[in-house]
């Protein structure tokens, strides 16, 4: 469903209409948005199709577009749930650039997000790039110094995380696209551990936006084919906030995929008790070696691994020893 939000005057003096297309939508305009973003890679085409093609219980997709004569000229997207969302797909047709279209659209989006009571948005871009500077003007900040992963909070990050990760009962679910917009809140939270979901490439507070999509795609395909009982990733979702407070992910080890699996477990502080039941839902294969990385200064995770019959190894594999992120990382084996 499309709705007009406002008119805008560009630097060129041209007038355009700014509006928002809510997914799911199979209209001609939605197809034009698909075409506008058709240059995106495979995982993003899949994500766009999920956003425009399916109805979800909590997640909702919004494609903010600039329209002239019924044609979309530029796009900015959010996918949101519970006031938390991913901000992305900022794109303007080449012939329409340098007119301020993206800036107008982002301003429109941020105003609408605030009006609707939005709490947090997450994005990834190149540090200090032209896009980075535009986002900074609209209130986004680097999650860490020199980082292109950026956040926007209606209040402060501390206040937001205190609310979202407050002590709560949880429900355990297979990771799905429903969790995609809220997963960055966990992946990018302030936390002493650097090793978060190594199988997805989440080391330190970085956006899970693109890093989680290959896993979500694979799980979606496996669910259709009924290959993986229990899925490749499980999350504990807070009953209070609706956001994942813990995650367990199992993937084949890239160097020895026929023999070894890598397990990742990560959670907000206070939710360590969720790790063991999440791993049990993954049903680790007894005939395969399973390894897990753990920060040496997070004893609660180490206790969870011991309960799962993991033992600490003496050394990291040779190919990991020189990696700057592994200086305080221990290898655990089951």
Protein backbone atom coordinates (compact mmCIF):
# COMPACT_ATOMS: atom_id res chain seq x y z
CA UNK A 1 0.00 0.00 0.00
CA UNK A 2 1.37 3.41 -0.99
CA UNK A 3 0.68 6.67 0.82
CA UNK A 4 1.83 10.19 0.05
CA UNK A 5 3.71 11.96 2.87
CA UNK A 6 4.65 15.35 1.43
CA UNK A 7 5.83 17.33 -1.60
CA UNK A 8 9.45 18.47 -1.87
CA UNK A 9 11.39 21.00 -3.93
CA UNK A 10 14.80 19.84 -5.14
CA UNK A 11 17.98 21.88 -5.65
CA UNK A 12 17.09 21.99 -9.35
CA UNK A 13 13.77 23.62 -8.55
CA UNK A 14 11.85 20.48 -9.62
CA UNK A 15 8.95 19.26 -7.48
CA UNK A 16 8.57 15.63 -6.45
CA UNK A 17 6.23 13.67 -4.25
CA UNK A 18 7.61 11.82 -1.25
CA UNK A 19 5.67 8.81 -0.02
CA UNK A 20 6.00 5.40 1.55
CA UNK A 21 5.21 1.97 0.14
CA UNK A 22 4.32 -0.55 2.86
CA UNK A 23 5.09 -4.20 2.29
CA UNK A 24 3.77 -6.60 1.36
CA UNK A 25 2.71 -5.09 -1.93
CA UNK A 26 2.34 -6.57 -5.41
CA UNK A 27 1.17 -3.41 -7.18
CA UNK A 28 2.73 -1.93 -10.30
CA UNK A 29 4.51 0.65 -8.14
CA UNK A 30 6.03 -2.13 -6.01
CA UNK A 31 7.28 -3.80 -9.17
CA UNK A 32 8.87 -0.50 -10.21
CA UNK A 33 10.64 -0.36 -6.84
CA UNK A 34 11.92 -3.90 -7.43
CA UNK A 35 13.26 -2.74 -10.79
CA UNK A 36 14.80 0.40 -9.25
CA UNK A 37 16.74 -1.79 -6.80
CA UNK A 38 17.33 -4.62 -9.26
CA UNK A 39 21.09 -3.99 -9.40
CA UNK A 40 21.50 -5.23 -5.83
CA UNK A 41 23.26 -8.53 -5.16
CA UNK A 42 21.61 -11.91 -4.65
CA UNK A 43 21.12 -11.71 -0.89
CA UNK A 44 19.60 -8.23 -1.18
CA UNK A 45 17.23 -9.24 -3.97
CA UNK A 46 16.05 -12.02 -1.66
CA UNK A 47 15.62 -9.55 1.21
CA UNK A 48 13.66 -7.12 -0.98
CA UNK A 49 11.40 -9.94 -2.11
CA UNK A 50 10.78 -10.97 1.50
CA UNK A 51 9.93 -7.35 2.31
CA UNK A 52 7.59 -6.78 -0.62
CA UNK A 53 6.30 -10.31 -1.07
CA UNK A 54 5.41 -11.64 2.38
CA UNK A 55 3.31 -10.72 5.38
CA UNK A 56 5.03 -11.03 8.76
CA UNK A 57 3.59 -11.02 12.26
CA UNK A 58 5.74 -8.21 13.64
CA UNK A 59 8.29 -7.08 11.02
CA UNK A 60 7.12 -4.40 8.59
CA UNK A 61 8.95 -3.01 5.57
CA UNK A 62 8.71 0.60 4.42
CA UNK A 63 10.10 1.82 1.11
CA UNK A 64 10.28 5.61 1.16
CA UNK A 65 10.29 6.79 -2.43
CA UNK A 66 10.44 10.02 -4.41
CA UNK A 67 7.91 9.92 -7.24
CA UNK A 68 7.47 12.01 -10.38
CA UNK A 69 4.76 11.21 -12.95
CA UNK A 70 4.10 7.92 -11.21
CA UNK A 71 7.74 6.76 -11.46
CA UNK A 72 10.00 6.16 -8.41
CA UNK A 73 13.23 8.16 -8.72
CA UNK A 74 14.91 7.39 -5.40
CA UNK A 75 14.47 5.02 -2.47
CA UNK A 76 15.35 4.62 1.20
CA UNK A 77 14.10 1.55 3.09
CA UNK A 78 13.46 0.57 6.68
CA UNK A 79 12.47 -2.83 7.99
CA UNK A 80 11.17 -2.46 11.54
CA UNK A 81 9.67 -4.29 14.48
CA UNK A 82 8.87 -2.95 17.96
CA UNK A 83 10.31 0.46 17.11
CA UNK A 84 13.69 -1.01 16.10
CA UNK A 85 14.83 -1.17 12.50
CA UNK A 86 17.38 -1.51 9.74
CA UNK A 87 17.90 1.52 7.49
CA UNK A 88 19.16 0.79 3.97
CA UNK A 89 18.84 0.65 0.20
CA UNK A 90 19.56 4.35 -0.25
CA UNK A 91 19.55 4.72 -4.02
CA UNK A 92 18.80 7.41 -6.62
CA UNK A 93 18.59 6.94 -10.38
CA UNK A 94 21.90 8.16 -11.90
CA UNK A 95 20.24 10.86 -13.99
CA UNK A 96 18.47 12.27 -10.90
CA UNK A 97 21.52 12.60 -8.65
CA UNK A 98 23.01 15.81 -7.19
CA UNK A 99 19.55 17.26 -6.70
CA UNK A 100 19.25 16.46 -3.00
CA UNK A 101 16.75 13.63 -3.44
CA UNK A 102 18.33 11.27 -0.89
CA UNK A 103 18.69 14.04 1.67
CA UNK A 104 15.00 14.97 1.28
CA UNK A 105 13.92 11.34 1.52
CA UNK A 106 16.03 10.62 4.60
CA UNK A 107 14.67 13.72 6.31
CA UNK A 108 11.14 12.59 5.48
CA UNK A 109 11.84 9.07 6.75
CA UNK A 110 13.40 10.23 10.01
CA UNK A 111 10.49 12.58 10.71
CA UNK A 112 8.01 9.78 10.09
CA UNK A 113 10.03 7.34 12.23
CA UNK A 114 10.09 9.77 15.16
CA UNK A 115 6.36 10.50 14.81
CA UNK A 116 5.59 6.78 14.95
CA UNK A 117 7.61 6.42 18.18
CA UNK A 118 10.68 4.79 16.62
CA UNK A 119 13.40 3.89 19.13
CA UNK A 120 16.50 2.86 17.14
CA UNK A 121 17.81 2.48 13.59
CA UNK A 122 20.95 0.69 12.40
CA UNK A 123 22.91 0.96 9.14
CA UNK A 124 26.23 0.10 7.56
CA UNK A 125 28.25 2.24 5.14
CA UNK A 126 31.83 3.27 4.41
CA UNK A 127 33.39 5.36 7.17
CA UNK A 128 33.60 9.07 6.27
CA UNK A 129 32.17 8.43 2.80
CA UNK A 130 29.73 10.92 1.23
CA UNK A 131 26.86 8.67 2.36
CA UNK A 132 28.31 8.52 5.89
CA UNK A 133 28.34 12.32 6.09
CA UNK A 134 24.70 12.53 4.93
CA UNK A 135 23.63 10.04 7.60
CA UNK A 136 25.63 11.92 10.23
CA UNK A 137 23.72 15.11 9.36
CA UNK A 138 20.51 13.24 10.14
CA UNK A 139 21.68 12.15 13.58
CA UNK A 140 23.39 8.80 12.95
CA UNK A 141 26.66 8.11 14.81
CA UNK A 142 29.44 5.53 14.42
CA UNK A 143 29.05 2.62 16.81
CA UNK A 144 32.83 2.81 17.39
CA UNK A 145 35.53 5.27 16.32
CA UNK A 146 36.38 4.95 12.60
CA UNK A 147 33.42 2.59 12.03
CA UNK A 148 30.98 2.82 9.14
CA UNK A 149 28.36 0.93 11.18
CA UNK A 150 26.06 3.64 12.49
CA UNK A 151 23.19 3.97 14.93
CA UNK A 152 20.41 6.41 15.70
CA UNK A 153 18.62 6.37 19.05
CA UNK A 154 15.58 8.38 20.09
CA UNK A 155 17.11 8.64 23.57
CA UNK A 156 20.57 7.27 24.35
CA UNK A 157 22.07 3.89 23.54
CA UNK A 158 22.39 3.17 27.26
CA UNK A 159 18.73 3.95 27.93
CA UNK A 160 17.59 1.99 24.86
CA UNK A 161 19.58 -1.14 25.74
CA UNK A 162 18.53 -0.98 29.38
CA UNK A 163 14.92 -1.12 28.21
CA UNK A 164 15.28 -3.66 25.39
CA UNK A 165 17.46 -6.08 27.36
CA UNK A 166 15.74 -5.74 30.73
CA UNK A 167 15.29 -9.02 32.61
CA UNK A 168 12.46 -10.89 30.94
CA UNK A 169 11.04 -14.28 30.15
CA UNK A 170 11.87 -15.42 26.63
CA UNK A 171 10.58 -17.67 23.90
CA UNK A 172 12.95 -19.79 21.78
CA UNK A 173 12.55 -19.72 18.01
CA UNK A 174 14.47 -20.63 14.88
CA UNK A 175 16.08 -17.49 13.47
CA UNK A 176 13.94 -16.07 10.67
CA UNK A 177 13.41 -12.91 8.65
CA UNK A 178 11.00 -11.83 11.39
CA UNK A 179 14.06 -11.24 13.60
CA UNK A 180 16.19 -9.51 10.94
CA UNK A 181 15.30 -5.89 11.82
CA UNK A 182 15.89 -6.31 15.57
CA UNK A 183 18.99 -8.53 15.47
CA UNK A 184 21.37 -5.51 15.10
CA UNK A 185 20.30 -4.35 18.57
CA UNK A 186 21.99 -7.48 19.94
CA UNK A 187 24.89 -7.60 17.46
CA UNK A 188 25.81 -3.92 17.98
CA UNK A 189 25.09 -3.58 21.69
CA UNK A 190 27.60 -2.37 24.26
CA UNK A 191 29.08 -5.58 25.61
CA UNK A 192 32.51 -6.67 26.88
CA UNK A 193 32.72 -9.59 24.42
CA UNK A 194 34.13 -9.06 20.93
CA UNK A 195 33.30 -12.56 19.64
CA UNK A 196 29.59 -12.41 18.94
CA UNK A 197 28.57 -14.49 15.91
CA UNK A 198 31.85 -15.44 14.23
CA UNK A 199 30.12 -17.67 11.68
CA UNK A 200 28.36 -14.56 10.36
CA UNK A 201 31.48 -12.38 10.66
CA UNK A 202 30.13 -10.44 13.64
CA UNK A 203 33.28 -9.71 15.63
CA UNK A 204 32.83 -6.68 17.82
CA UNK A 205 29.80 -4.39 17.48
CA UNK A 206 29.10 -4.52 13.74
CA UNK A 207 25.84 -4.52 11.84
CA UNK A 208 24.23 -7.90 11.25
CA UNK A 209 22.23 -6.38 8.37
CA UNK A 210 24.07 -8.07 5.49
CA UNK A 211 26.08 -10.60 7.50
CA UNK A 212 22.99 -12.50 8.69
CA UNK A 213 21.23 -12.69 5.31
CA UNK A 214 23.15 -15.72 3.90
CA UNK A 215 22.20 -17.71 7.02
CA UNK A 216 18.59 -16.54 6.79
CA UNK A 217 18.45 -17.48 3.11
CA UNK A 218 19.89 -20.93 3.79
CA UNK A 219 17.50 -21.54 6.67
CA UNK A 220 14.55 -20.41 4.56
CA UNK A 221 15.51 -22.86 1.81
CA UNK A 222 16.14 -25.66 4.31
CA UNK A 223 12.76 -25.05 5.93
CA UNK A 224 11.12 -25.40 2.52
CA UNK A 225 12.99 -28.66 1.90
CA UNK A 226 12.71 -29.86 5.52
CA UNK A 227 16.44 -30.62 5.68
CA UNK A 228 17.43 -29.11 9.03
CA UNK A 229 15.30 -29.94 12.07
CA UNK A 230 15.82 -27.16 14.59
CA UNK A 231 17.47 -24.83 12.07
CA UNK A 232 21.01 -23.49 11.89
CA UNK A 233 20.39 -20.66 14.31
CA UNK A 234 18.12 -20.21 17.28
CA UNK A 235 17.24 -17.05 19.20
CA UNK A 236 15.78 -16.31 22.62
CA UNK A 237 13.30 -13.46 22.11
CA UNK A 238 12.47 -11.17 25.02
CA UNK A 239 8.80 -11.25 25.92
CA UNK A 240 9.06 -7.60 27.01
CA UNK A 241 10.78 -6.01 24.02
CA UNK A 242 10.25 -8.54 21.21
CA UNK A 243 13.97 -8.38 20.34
CA UNK A 244 16.42 -11.32 20.41
CA UNK A 245 18.37 -11.30 23.69
CA UNK A 246 20.47 -14.39 22.87
CA UNK A 247 21.51 -16.34 19.78
CA UNK A 248 23.10 -19.70 19.03
CA UNK A 249 24.33 -20.41 15.50
CA UNK A 250 25.89 -23.60 14.06
CA UNK A 251 27.69 -23.68 10.72
CA UNK A 252 30.28 -25.95 9.07
CA UNK A 253 33.87 -24.84 9.73
CA UNK A 254 35.08 -23.31 6.42
CA UNK A 255 38.47 -25.10 6.38
CA UNK A 256 37.19 -28.57 7.36
CA UNK A 257 33.46 -28.49 6.55
CA UNK A 258 33.08 -32.28 6.32
CA UNK A 259 34.39 -32.87 9.84
CA UNK A 260 34.02 -29.77 12.01
CA UNK A 261 31.20 -27.39 12.94
CA UNK A 262 31.55 -23.93 14.51
CA UNK A 263 29.12 -23.00 17.25
CA UNK A 264 28.48 -19.39 18.21
CA UNK A 265 26.64 -18.37 21.35
CA UNK A 266 26.09 -14.76 22.35
CA UNK A 267 23.65 -12.92 24.58
CA UNK A 268 22.95 -9.70 26.39
CA UNK A 269 24.36 -9.72 29.91
CA UNK A 270 21.95 -11.44 32.27
CA UNK A 271 20.63 -13.84 29.60
CA UNK A 272 23.46 -16.40 29.83
CA UNK A 273 20.96 -18.96 31.09
CA UNK A 274 19.39 -19.00 27.61
CA UNK A 275 22.55 -20.26 25.89
CA UNK A 276 22.41 -23.93 26.87
CA UNK A 277 18.75 -24.53 25.88
CA UNK A 278 19.32 -22.70 22.58
CA UNK A 279 22.28 -24.96 21.76
CA UNK A 280 20.27 -28.04 22.69
CA UNK A 281 17.66 -26.97 20.13
CA UNK A 282 20.40 -26.99 17.48
CA UNK A 283 21.00 -30.72 18.10
CA UNK A 284 24.77 -30.89 17.75
CA UNK A 285 25.92 -33.94 15.78
CA UNK A 286 27.73 -36.38 18.08
CA UNK A 287 29.93 -37.72 15.27
CA UNK A 288 31.35 -34.30 14.39
CA UNK A 289 33.85 -32.11 16.21
CA UNK A 290 32.31 -28.83 17.33
CA UNK A 291 34.42 -25.78 18.19
CA UNK A 292 33.42 -22.51 19.81
CA UNK A 293 35.30 -19.25 20.41
CA UNK A 294 34.94 -17.40 23.70
CA UNK A 295 36.38 -14.19 25.08
CA UNK A 296 38.62 -15.02 28.02
CA UNK A 297 37.07 -12.23 30.14
CA UNK A 298 33.44 -13.47 29.89
CA UNK A 299 33.29 -16.29 32.48
CA UNK A 300 29.50 -16.72 32.23
CA UNK A 301 29.85 -17.89 28.61
CA UNK A 302 32.64 -20.26 29.62
CA UNK A 303 30.39 -21.78 32.28
CA UNK A 304 27.67 -22.30 29.68
CA UNK A 305 30.16 -24.08 27.41
CA UNK A 306 31.31 -26.36 30.24
CA UNK A 307 27.69 -27.29 30.89
CA UNK A 308 27.46 -28.26 27.21
CA UNK A 309 30.51 -30.55 27.62
CA UNK A 310 33.00 -28.26 25.85
CA UNK A 311 36.64 -28.18 27.00
CA UNK A 312 39.09 -25.33 26.58
CA UNK A 313 41.88 -26.04 24.08
CA UNK A 314 45.48 -24.94 24.52
CA UNK A 315 45.85 -22.99 21.28
CA UNK A 316 43.80 -21.33 18.60
CA UNK A 317 44.18 -22.77 15.07
CA UNK A 318 47.23 -21.40 13.26
CA UNK A 319 45.15 -19.45 10.73
CA UNK A 320 43.46 -17.47 13.55
CA UNK A 321 46.41 -16.66 15.80
CA UNK A 322 47.48 -13.49 14.00
CA UNK A 323 43.98 -12.03 13.71
CA UNK A 324 43.75 -8.83 15.75
CA UNK A 325 40.29 -9.75 17.06
CA UNK A 326 41.56 -12.99 18.67
CA UNK A 327 44.07 -11.63 21.20
CA UNK A 328 41.80 -12.49 24.15
CA UNK A 329 39.90 -15.33 22.49
CA UNK A 330 39.97 -18.94 23.65
CA UNK A 331 39.08 -22.02 21.63
CA UNK A 332 36.66 -24.53 23.14
CA UNK A 333 36.11 -28.03 21.69
CA UNK A 334 33.50 -30.70 22.11
